[in-house]
């Protein structure tokens, strides 16, 4: 028995804090934050180990298979 799948496309994903998220064309940091419901103001974001400035979130296109780390900063004393 052969397994012929015609037109099958593997879904592209990214990893966000160790969890898989479906990737889409032109996906940027703002889209990821919305999808993951991150609303905290003080965040550090890295894509494949590279720090992304908050002013660059909407301009930073995340490639498929990227490793995205989103870290909440907490202050206190």
Protein backbone atom coordinates (compact mmCIF):
# COMPACT_ATOMS: atom_id res chain seq x y z
CA UNK A 1 0.00 0.00 0.00
CA UNK A 2 1.41 3.37 -0.96
CA UNK A 3 0.69 6.60 0.79
CA UNK A 4 0.19 9.24 -1.89
CA UNK A 5 -0.91 12.60 -0.63
CA UNK A 6 -1.46 15.05 -3.44
CA UNK A 7 -1.35 18.74 -2.69
CA UNK A 8 -0.25 18.25 0.92
CA UNK A 9 1.67 21.19 2.34
CA UNK A 10 3.35 21.02 5.71
CA UNK A 11 2.11 23.86 7.88
CA UNK A 12 4.89 26.32 8.67
CA UNK A 13 5.33 27.22 12.31
CA UNK A 14 7.44 29.29 14.66
CA UNK A 15 8.31 28.61 18.28
CA UNK A 16 7.17 31.20 20.84
CA UNK A 17 8.59 30.57 24.32
CA UNK A 18 8.88 26.89 23.45
CA UNK A 19 5.34 26.54 22.07
CA UNK A 20 4.47 26.05 18.41
CA UNK A 21 2.48 28.79 16.66
CA UNK A 22 1.21 28.70 13.07
CA UNK A 23 3.30 30.99 10.87
CA UNK A 24 1.81 33.25 8.22
CA UNK A 25 3.27 35.40 5.47
CA UNK A 26 4.43 38.86 6.67
CA UNK A 27 3.99 37.90 10.34
CA UNK A 28 5.58 40.53 12.57
CA UNK A 29 6.12 40.87 16.33
CA UNK A 30 2.89 42.86 16.84
CA UNK A 31 0.88 40.01 15.24
CA UNK A 32 2.55 37.44 17.51
CA UNK A 33 1.85 39.53 20.62
CA UNK A 34 -1.82 39.83 19.61
CA UNK A 35 -2.15 36.10 18.87
CA UNK A 36 -0.60 35.19 22.22
CA UNK A 37 -2.63 37.88 24.06
CA UNK A 38 0.46 39.61 25.45
CA UNK A 39 -0.57 43.06 26.69
CA UNK A 40 2.10 43.69 29.32
CA UNK A 41 3.98 46.92 28.51
CA UNK A 42 7.45 45.87 29.65
CA UNK A 43 8.63 43.10 27.34
CA UNK A 44 11.90 41.93 25.87
CA UNK A 45 11.55 40.19 22.50
CA UNK A 46 14.23 38.14 20.77
CA UNK A 47 13.97 36.48 17.36
CA UNK A 48 16.56 33.76 16.77
CA UNK A 49 18.62 35.25 19.59
CA UNK A 50 18.52 38.82 18.23
CA UNK A 51 16.99 41.55 20.40
CA UNK A 52 14.11 43.44 18.75
CA UNK A 53 13.45 47.02 19.90
CA UNK A 54 9.83 47.91 20.68
CA UNK A 55 9.91 50.57 17.94
CA UNK A 56 10.74 47.79 15.45
CA UNK A 57 7.93 45.33 16.37
CA UNK A 58 5.70 46.23 13.42
CA UNK A 59 8.65 46.25 10.99
CA UNK A 60 10.26 42.98 12.09
CA UNK A 61 9.03 40.15 9.86
CA UNK A 62 9.45 36.78 11.56
CA UNK A 63 10.59 33.97 9.25
CA UNK A 64 9.14 30.45 9.37
CA UNK A 65 10.87 28.12 11.86
CA UNK A 66 12.01 31.11 13.95
CA UNK A 67 12.59 30.85 17.68
CA UNK A 68 10.86 33.78 19.40
CA UNK A 69 11.43 34.53 23.07
CA UNK A 70 9.12 36.97 24.84
CA UNK A 71 10.17 37.87 28.36
CA UNK A 72 8.11 39.91 30.86
CA UNK A 73 10.14 42.41 32.88
CA UNK A 74 9.00 42.74 36.46
CA UNK A 75 10.18 45.52 38.72
CA UNK A 76 9.89 45.72 42.42
CA UNK A 77 11.79 46.34 45.52
